[in-house]
Amino acid sequence: MTILQRQFINDTKGIPIGVILPLDEYRWIEPILKQHKRVPDSYADKLKKMEQAADDSRFMNDLHEVMSDFAEVDAEWWEAKR
């Protein structure tokens, strides 16, 4: 059996975004976490955010960059070479 201690999860910038806790420690804070449960966005809210994204220059620039990267990788690895 492996016993895990607390394990912190960081994003790519090193900022802590989560933690894995032993079950007994989780049970201590479980009531607090349930009080702060995130309410999921409604379908209408998601559609509104999608519509707004088309006018968000940072989003569109990121999307263009990602799609270009995918096209490049796809051409290198998946397309038949002649």
PDB file of N, CA and C in Angstrom:
ATOM      1  N   MET A   1       0.843  -1.167   0.000  1.00  0.00           N
ATOM      2  CA  MET A   1       0.000   0.000   0.000  1.00  0.00           C
ATOM      3  C   MET A   1       0.894   1.238   0.000  1.00  0.00           C
ATOM      4  N   THR A   2       0.517   2.221  -0.805  1.00  0.00           N
ATOM      5  CA  THR A   2       1.241   3.481  -0.876  1.00  0.00           C
ATOM      6  C   THR A   2       0.462   4.542  -0.121  1.00  0.00           C
ATOM      7  N   ILE A   3       1.136   5.286   0.717  1.00  0.00           N
ATOM      8  CA  ILE A   3       0.500   6.371   1.461  1.00  0.00           C
ATOM      9  C   ILE A   3       0.979   7.689   0.865  1.00  0.00           C
ATOM     10  N   LEU A   4       0.023   8.464   0.370  1.00  0.00           N
ATOM     11  CA  LEU A   4       0.354   9.766  -0.201  1.00  0.00           C
ATOM     12  C   LEU A   4       0.249  10.847   0.855  1.00  0.00           C
ATOM     13  N   GLN A   5       1.197  11.732   0.859  1.00  0.00           N
ATOM     14  CA  GLN A   5       1.110  12.934   1.675  1.00  0.00           C
ATOM     15  C   GLN A   5       0.397  13.988   0.836  1.00  0.00           C
ATOM     16  N   ARG A   6       0.266  15.164   1.350  1.00  0.00           N
ATOM     17  CA  ARG A   6      -0.322  16.237   0.546  1.00  0.00           C
ATOM     18  C   ARG A   6       0.541  16.440  -0.692  1.00  0.00           C
ATOM     19  N   GLN A   7      -0.137  16.610  -1.821  1.00  0.00           N
ATOM     20  CA  GLN A   7       0.586  16.888  -3.055  1.00  0.00           C
ATOM     21  C   GLN A   7      -0.028  18.126  -3.683  1.00  0.00           C
ATOM     22  N   PHE A   8       0.774  19.172  -3.826  1.00  0.00           N
ATOM     23  CA  PHE A   8       0.286  20.413  -4.398  1.00  0.00           C
ATOM     24  C   PHE A   8       0.390  20.348  -5.916  1.00  0.00           C
ATOM     25  N   ILE A   9      -0.603  20.918  -6.588  1.00  0.00           N
ATOM     26  CA  ILE A   9      -0.653  20.941  -8.039  1.00  0.00           C
ATOM     27  C   ILE A   9      -0.477  22.384  -8.474  1.00  0.00           C
ATOM     28  N   ASN A  10       0.514  22.619  -9.330  1.00  0.00           N
ATOM     29  CA  ASN A  10       0.811  23.967  -9.807  1.00  0.00           C
ATOM     30  C   ASN A  10       0.504  24.070 -11.291  1.00  0.00           C
ATOM     31  N   ASP A  11       0.166  25.299 -11.717  1.00  0.00           N
ATOM     32  CA  ASP A  11      -0.011  25.510 -13.147  1.00  0.00           C
ATOM     33  C   ASP A  11       1.366  25.688 -13.787  1.00  0.00           C
ATOM     34  N   THR A  12       1.393  26.000 -15.070  1.00  0.00           N
ATOM     35  CA  THR A  12       2.671  26.104 -15.784  1.00  0.00           C
ATOM     36  C   THR A  12       3.532  27.269 -15.304  1.00  0.00           C
ATOM     37  N   LYS A  13       2.934  28.218 -14.588  1.00  0.00           N
ATOM     38  CA  LYS A  13       3.690  29.351 -14.046  1.00  0.00           C
ATOM     39  C   LYS A  13       4.150  29.095 -12.611  1.00  0.00           C
ATOM     40  N   GLY A  14       3.828  27.903 -12.095  1.00  0.00           N
ATOM     41  CA  GLY A  14       4.225  27.567 -10.727  1.00  0.00           C
ATOM     42  C   GLY A  14       3.244  28.030  -9.657  1.00  0.00           C
ATOM     43  N   ILE A  15       2.100  28.534 -10.072  1.00  0.00           N
ATOM     44  CA  ILE A  15       1.097  29.014  -9.127  1.00  0.00           C
ATOM     45  C   ILE A  15       0.261  27.823  -8.655  1.00  0.00           C
ATOM     46  N   PRO A  16       0.136  27.632  -7.331  1.00  0.00           N
ATOM     47  CA  PRO A  16      -0.668  26.514  -6.832  1.00  0.00           C
ATOM     48  C   PRO A  16      -2.136  26.661  -7.232  1.00  0.00           C
ATOM     49  N   ILE A  17      -2.694  25.594  -7.813  1.00  0.00           N
ATOM     50  CA  ILE A  17      -4.097  25.623  -8.226  1.00  0.00           C
ATOM     51  C   ILE A  17      -4.908  24.496  -7.604  1.00  0.00           C
ATOM     52  N   GLY A  18      -4.248  23.591  -6.904  1.00  0.00           N
ATOM     53  CA  GLY A  18      -4.967  22.485  -6.302  1.00  0.00           C
ATOM     54  C   GLY A  18      -4.074  21.707  -5.359  1.00  0.00           C
ATOM     55  N   VAL A  19      -4.693  20.759  -4.663  1.00  0.00           N
ATOM     56  CA  VAL A  19      -3.948  19.915  -3.731  1.00  0.00           C
ATOM     57  C   VAL A  19      -4.640  18.559  -3.638  1.00  0.00           C
ATOM     58  N   ILE A  20      -3.835  17.523  -3.550  1.00  0.00           N
ATOM     59  CA  ILE A  20      -4.350  16.187  -3.293  1.00  0.00           C
ATOM     60  C   ILE A  20      -4.119  15.921  -1.816  1.00  0.00           C
ATOM     61  N   LEU A  21      -5.198  15.579  -1.105  1.00  0.00           N
ATOM     62  CA  LEU A  21      -5.126  15.369   0.336  1.00  0.00           C
ATOM     63  C   LEU A  21      -5.364  13.909   0.683  1.00  0.00           C
ATOM     64  N   PRO A  22      -4.761  13.457   1.779  1.00  0.00           N
ATOM     65  CA  PRO A  22      -5.169  12.152   2.307  1.00  0.00           C
ATOM     66  C   PRO A  22      -6.652  12.222   2.680  1.00  0.00           C
ATOM     67  N   LEU A  23      -7.338  11.115   2.579  1.00  0.00           N
ATOM     68  CA  LEU A  23      -8.783  11.087   2.776  1.00  0.00           C
ATOM     69  C   LEU A  23      -9.215  11.633   4.138  1.00  0.00           C
ATOM     70  N   ASP A  24      -8.467  11.331   5.195  1.00  0.00           N
ATOM     71  CA  ASP A  24      -8.879  11.833   6.513  1.00  0.00           C
ATOM     72  C   ASP A  24      -8.811  13.355   6.575  1.00  0.00           C
ATOM     73  N   GLU A  25      -7.822  13.959   5.919  1.00  0.00           N
ATOM     74  CA  GLU A  25      -7.751  15.425   5.888  1.00  0.00           C
ATOM     75  C   GLU A  25      -8.858  15.998   5.012  1.00  0.00           C
ATOM     76  N   TYR A  26      -9.162  15.329   3.919  1.00  0.00           N
ATOM     77  CA  TYR A  26     -10.247  15.789   3.057  1.00  0.00           C
ATOM     78  C   TYR A  26     -11.566  15.824   3.830  1.00  0.00           C
ATOM     79  N   ARG A  27     -11.798  14.818   4.639  1.00  0.00           N
ATOM     80  CA  ARG A  27     -13.053  14.759   5.401  1.00  0.00           C
ATOM     81  C   ARG A  27     -13.193  15.939   6.354  1.00  0.00           C
ATOM     82  N   TRP A  28     -12.069  16.473   6.845  1.00  0.00           N
ATOM     83  CA  TRP A  28     -12.130  17.648   7.732  1.00  0.00           C
ATOM     84  C   TRP A  28     -12.657  18.864   6.991  1.00  0.00           C
ATOM     85  N   ILE A  29     -12.259  19.024   5.726  1.00  0.00           N
ATOM     86  CA  ILE A  29     -12.638  20.237   4.986  1.00  0.00           C
ATOM     87  C   ILE A  29     -13.799  20.026   4.023  1.00  0.00           C
ATOM     88  N   GLU A  30     -14.275  18.806   3.881  1.00  0.00           N
ATOM     89  CA  GLU A  30     -15.365  18.511   2.945  1.00  0.00           C
ATOM     90  C   GLU A  30     -16.585  19.414   3.155  1.00  0.00           C
ATOM     91  N   PRO A  31     -17.047  19.651   4.396  1.00  0.00           N
ATOM     92  CA  PRO A  31     -18.216  20.540   4.559  1.00  0.00           C
ATOM     93  C   PRO A  31     -17.969  21.955   4.029  1.00  0.00           C
ATOM     94  N   ILE A  32     -16.763  22.452   4.189  1.00  0.00           N
ATOM     95  CA  ILE A  32     -16.433  23.795   3.695  1.00  0.00           C
ATOM     96  C   ILE A  32     -16.470  23.809   2.170  1.00  0.00           C
ATOM     97  N   LEU A  33     -15.910  22.774   1.560  1.00  0.00           N
ATOM     98  CA  LEU A  33     -15.892  22.699   0.096  1.00  0.00           C
ATOM     99  C   LEU A  33     -17.304  22.619  -0.466  1.00  0.00           C
ATOM    100  N   LYS A  34     -18.168  21.901   0.191  1.00  0.00           N
ATOM    101  CA  LYS A  34     -19.542  21.774  -0.301  1.00  0.00           C
ATOM    102  C   LYS A  34     -20.290  23.100  -0.223  1.00  0.00           C
ATOM    103  N   GLN A  35     -19.927  23.949   0.726  1.00  0.00           N
ATOM    104  CA  GLN A  35     -20.565  25.263   0.839  1.00  0.00           C
ATOM    105  C   GLN A  35     -20.167  26.165  -0.328  1.00  0.00           C
ATOM    106  N   HIS A  36     -18.993  25.939  -0.883  1.00  0.00           N
ATOM    107  CA  HIS A  36     -18.472  26.795  -1.949  1.00  0.00           C
ATOM    108  C   HIS A  36     -18.501  26.108  -3.306  1.00  0.00           C
ATOM    109  N   LYS A  37     -19.428  25.201  -3.468  1.00  0.00           N
ATOM    110  CA  LYS A  37     -19.541  24.473  -4.732  1.00  0.00           C
ATOM    111  C   LYS A  37     -19.832  25.454  -5.856  1.00  0.00           C
ATOM    112  N   ARG A  38     -19.095  25.331  -6.932  1.00  0.00           N
ATOM    113  CA  ARG A  38     -19.284  26.207  -8.085  1.00  0.00           C
ATOM    114  C   ARG A  38     -20.557  25.823  -8.816  1.00  0.00           C
ATOM    115  N   VAL A  39     -21.366  26.821  -9.108  1.00  0.00           N
ATOM    116  CA  VAL A  39     -22.602  26.602  -9.842  1.00  0.00           C
ATOM    117  C   VAL A  39     -22.246  26.562 -11.329  1.00  0.00           C
ATOM    118  N   PRO A  40     -22.576  25.462 -12.022  1.00  0.00           N
ATOM    119  CA  PRO A  40     -22.228  25.388 -13.445  1.00  0.00           C
ATOM    120  C   PRO A  40     -23.006  26.416 -14.265  1.00  0.00           C
ATOM    121  N   ASP A  41     -22.365  26.864 -15.332  1.00  0.00           N
ATOM    122  CA  ASP A  41     -23.017  27.822 -16.226  1.00  0.00           C
ATOM    123  C   ASP A  41     -24.207  27.162 -16.912  1.00  0.00           C
ATOM    124  N   SER A  42     -25.219  27.954 -17.128  1.00  0.00           N
ATOM    125  CA  SER A  42     -26.372  27.441 -17.858  1.00  0.00           C
ATOM    126  C   SER A  42     -26.032  27.361 -19.346  1.00  0.00           C
ATOM    127  N   TYR A  43     -26.840  26.646 -20.072  1.00  0.00           N
ATOM    128  CA  TYR A  43     -26.647  26.512 -21.516  1.00  0.00           C
ATOM    129  C   TYR A  43     -26.662  27.886 -22.179  1.00  0.00           C
ATOM    130  N   ALA A  44     -27.580  28.745 -21.756  1.00  0.00           N
ATOM    131  CA  ALA A  44     -27.696  30.091 -22.341  1.00  0.00           C
ATOM    132  C   ALA A  44     -26.435  30.907 -22.057  1.00  0.00           C
ATOM    133  N   ASP A  45     -25.878  30.761 -20.836  1.00  0.00           N
ATOM    134  CA  ASP A  45     -24.651  31.484 -20.500  1.00  0.00           C
ATOM    135  C   ASP A  45     -23.497  31.025 -21.377  1.00  0.00           C
ATOM    136  N   LYS A  46     -23.415  29.720 -21.613  1.00  0.00           N
ATOM    137  CA  LYS A  46     -22.345  29.189 -22.457  1.00  0.00           C
ATOM    138  C   LYS A  46     -22.469  29.710 -23.888  1.00  0.00           C
ATOM    139  N   LEU A  47     -23.694  29.746 -24.407  1.00  0.00           N
ATOM    140  CA  LEU A  47     -23.891  30.279 -25.755  1.00  0.00           C
ATOM    141  C   LEU A  47     -23.505  31.752 -25.838  1.00  0.00           C
ATOM    142  N   LYS A  48     -23.851  32.505 -24.803  1.00  0.00           N
ATOM    143  CA  LYS A  48     -23.517  33.934 -24.790  1.00  0.00           C
ATOM    144  C   LYS A  48     -21.996  34.125 -24.782  1.00  0.00           C
ATOM    145  N   LYS A  49     -21.291  33.316 -23.990  1.00  0.00           N
ATOM    146  CA  LYS A  49     -19.825  33.413 -23.952  1.00  0.00           C
ATOM    147  C   LYS A  49     -19.211  33.042 -25.297  1.00  0.00           C
ATOM    148  N   MET A  50     -19.794  32.056 -25.976  1.00  0.00           N
ATOM    149  CA  MET A  50     -19.298  31.664 -27.291  1.00  0.00           C
ATOM    150  C   MET A  50     -19.498  32.800 -28.297  1.00  0.00           C
ATOM    151  N   GLU A  51     -20.621  33.478 -28.220  1.00  0.00           N
ATOM    152  CA  GLU A  51     -20.878  34.604 -29.114  1.00  0.00           C
ATOM    153  C   GLU A  51     -19.906  35.748 -28.837  1.00  0.00           C
ATOM    154  N   GLN A  52     -19.616  36.005 -27.567  1.00  0.00           N
ATOM    155  CA  GLN A  52     -18.706  37.082 -27.203  1.00  0.00           C
ATOM    156  C   GLN A  52     -17.269  36.772 -27.621  1.00  0.00           C
ATOM    157  N   ALA A  53     -16.917  35.502 -27.676  1.00  0.00           N
ATOM    158  CA  ALA A  53     -15.551  35.104 -28.018  1.00  0.00           C
ATOM    159  C   ALA A  53     -15.152  35.602 -29.400  1.00  0.00           C
ATOM    160  N   ALA A  54     -16.096  35.650 -30.319  1.00  0.00           N
ATOM    161  CA  ALA A  54     -15.793  36.095 -31.682  1.00  0.00           C
ATOM    162  C   ALA A  54     -15.333  37.548 -31.719  1.00  0.00           C
ATOM    163  N   ASP A  55     -15.686  38.334 -30.712  1.00  0.00           N
ATOM    164  CA  ASP A  55     -15.273  39.743 -30.646  1.00  0.00           C
ATOM    165  C   ASP A  55     -14.098  39.959 -29.704  1.00  0.00           C
ATOM    166  N   ASP A  56     -13.573  38.902 -29.141  1.00  0.00           N
ATOM    167  CA  ASP A  56     -12.451  39.006 -28.208  1.00  0.00           C
ATOM    168  C   ASP A  56     -11.150  38.794 -28.977  1.00  0.00           C
ATOM    169  N   SER A  57     -10.395  39.868 -29.165  1.00  0.00           N
ATOM    170  CA  SER A  57      -9.194  39.779 -30.001  1.00  0.00           C
ATOM    171  C   SER A  57      -8.151  38.811 -29.432  1.00  0.00           C
ATOM    172  N   ARG A  58      -7.998  38.765 -28.112  1.00  0.00           N
ATOM    173  CA  ARG A  58      -7.027  37.827 -27.532  1.00  0.00           C
ATOM    174  C   ARG A  58      -7.443  36.385 -27.797  1.00  0.00           C
ATOM    175  N   PHE A  59      -8.737  36.094 -27.623  1.00  0.00           N
ATOM    176  CA  PHE A  59      -9.221  34.751 -27.897  1.00  0.00           C
ATOM    177  C   PHE A  59      -9.001  34.384 -29.355  1.00  0.00           C
ATOM    178  N   MET A  60      -9.359  35.287 -30.259  1.00  0.00           N
ATOM    179  CA  MET A  60      -9.228  34.995 -31.678  1.00  0.00           C
ATOM    180  C   MET A  60      -7.767  34.823 -32.080  1.00  0.00           C
ATOM    181  N   ASN A  61      -6.870  35.623 -31.502  1.00  0.00           N
ATOM    182  CA  ASN A  61      -5.439  35.460 -31.794  1.00  0.00           C
ATOM    183  C   ASN A  61      -4.943  34.110 -31.296  1.00  0.00           C
ATOM    184  N   ASP A  62      -5.348  33.733 -30.081  1.00  0.00           N
ATOM    185  CA  ASP A  62      -4.959  32.427 -29.542  1.00  0.00           C
ATOM    186  C   ASP A  62      -5.517  31.303 -30.402  1.00  0.00           C
ATOM    187  N   LEU A  63      -6.770  31.419 -30.803  1.00  0.00           N
ATOM    188  CA  LEU A  63      -7.398  30.404 -31.635  1.00  0.00           C
ATOM    189  C   LEU A  63      -6.651  30.254 -32.958  1.00  0.00           C
ATOM    190  N   HIS A  64      -6.325  31.378 -33.577  1.00  0.00           N
ATOM    191  CA  HIS A  64      -5.596  31.346 -34.852  1.00  0.00           C
ATOM    192  C   HIS A  64      -4.236  30.668 -34.672  1.00  0.00           C
ATOM    193  N   GLU A  65      -3.541  31.015 -33.596  1.00  0.00           N
ATOM    194  CA  GLU A  65      -2.227  30.422 -33.332  1.00  0.00           C
ATOM    195  C   GLU A  65      -2.330  28.910 -33.122  1.00  0.00           C
ATOM    196  N   VAL A  66      -3.300  28.481 -32.340  1.00  0.00           N
ATOM    197  CA  VAL A  66      -3.477  27.051 -32.073  1.00  0.00           C
ATOM    198  C   VAL A  66      -3.847  26.310 -33.351  1.00  0.00           C
ATOM    199  N   MET A  67      -4.754  26.873 -34.131  1.00  0.00           N
ATOM    200  CA  MET A  67      -5.161  26.207 -35.369  1.00  0.00           C
ATOM    201  C   MET A  67      -3.997  26.130 -36.356  1.00  0.00           C
ATOM    202  N   SER A  68      -3.165  27.154 -36.398  1.00  0.00           N
ATOM    203  CA  SER A  68      -1.980  27.120 -37.259  1.00  0.00           C
ATOM    204  C   SER A  68      -1.017  26.041 -36.803  1.00  0.00           C
ATOM    205  N   ASP A  69      -0.832  25.941 -35.485  1.00  0.00           N
ATOM    206  CA  ASP A  69       0.046  24.893 -34.943  1.00  0.00           C
ATOM    207  C   ASP A  69      -0.478  23.513 -35.291  1.00  0.00           C
ATOM    208  N   PHE A  70      -1.789  23.311 -35.148  1.00  0.00           N
ATOM    209  CA  PHE A  70      -2.376  22.016 -35.485  1.00  0.00           C
ATOM    210  C   PHE A  70      -2.188  21.702 -36.966  1.00  0.00           C
ATOM    211  N   ALA A  71      -2.402  22.692 -37.814  1.00  0.00           N
ATOM    212  CA  ALA A  71      -2.252  22.478 -39.255  1.00  0.00           C
ATOM    213  C   ALA A  71      -0.814  22.083 -39.587  1.00  0.00           C
ATOM    214  N   GLU A  72       0.135  22.733 -38.933  1.00  0.00           N
ATOM    215  CA  GLU A  72       1.547  22.427 -39.172  1.00  0.00           C
ATOM    216  C   GLU A  72       1.889  21.013 -38.724  1.00  0.00           C
ATOM    217  N   VAL A  73       1.474  20.652 -37.520  1.00  0.00           N
ATOM    218  CA  VAL A  73       1.750  19.309 -37.008  1.00  0.00           C
ATOM    219  C   VAL A  73       1.036  18.259 -37.846  1.00  0.00           C
ATOM    220  N   ASP A  74      -0.192  18.554 -38.229  1.00  0.00           N
ATOM    221  CA  ASP A  74      -0.950  17.622 -39.054  1.00  0.00           C
ATOM    222  C   ASP A  74      -0.230  17.376 -40.377  1.00  0.00           C
ATOM    223  N   ALA A  75       0.274  18.447 -40.982  1.00  0.00           N
ATOM    224  CA  ALA A  75       0.984  18.309 -42.256  1.00  0.00           C
ATOM    225  C   ALA A  75       2.269  17.508 -42.102  1.00  0.00           C
ATOM    226  N   GLU A  76       2.925  17.656 -40.975  1.00  0.00           N
ATOM    227  CA  GLU A  76       4.189  16.929 -40.732  1.00  0.00           C
ATOM    228  C   GLU A  76       3.974  15.460 -40.449  1.00  0.00           C
ATOM    229  N   TRP A  77       2.969  15.131 -39.655  1.00  0.00           N
ATOM    230  CA  TRP A  77       2.857  13.782 -39.126  1.00  0.00           C
ATOM    231  C   TRP A  77       1.753  12.947 -39.733  1.00  0.00           C
ATOM    232  N   TRP A  78       0.685  13.536 -40.198  1.00  0.00           N
ATOM    233  CA  TRP A  78      -0.461  12.737 -40.624  1.00  0.00           C
ATOM    234  C   TRP A  78      -0.654  12.689 -42.124  1.00  0.00           C
ATOM    235  N   GLU A  79      -0.219  13.709 -42.801  1.00  0.00           N
ATOM    236  CA  GLU A  79      -0.375  13.726 -44.252  1.00  0.00           C
ATOM    237  C   GLU A  79       0.650  12.782 -44.882  1.00  0.00           C
ATOM    238  N   ALA A  80       0.249  12.087 -45.896  1.00  0.00           N
ATOM    239  CA  ALA A  80       1.177  11.185 -46.591  1.00  0.00           C
ATOM    240  C   ALA A  80       2.258  12.013 -47.281  1.00  0.00           C
ATOM    241  N   LYS A  81       3.510  11.606 -47.101  1.00  0.00           N
ATOM    242  CA  LYS A  81       4.614  12.327 -47.738  1.00  0.00           C
ATOM    243  C   LYS A  81       4.801  11.783 -49.146  1.00  0.00           C
ATOM    244  N   ARG A  82       5.044  12.683 -50.093  1.00  0.00           N
ATOM    245  CA  ARG A  82       5.175  12.270 -51.490  1.00  0.00           C
ATOM    246  C   ARG A  82       6.572  12.418 -51.968  1.00  0.00           C
TER     247      ARG A  82
END
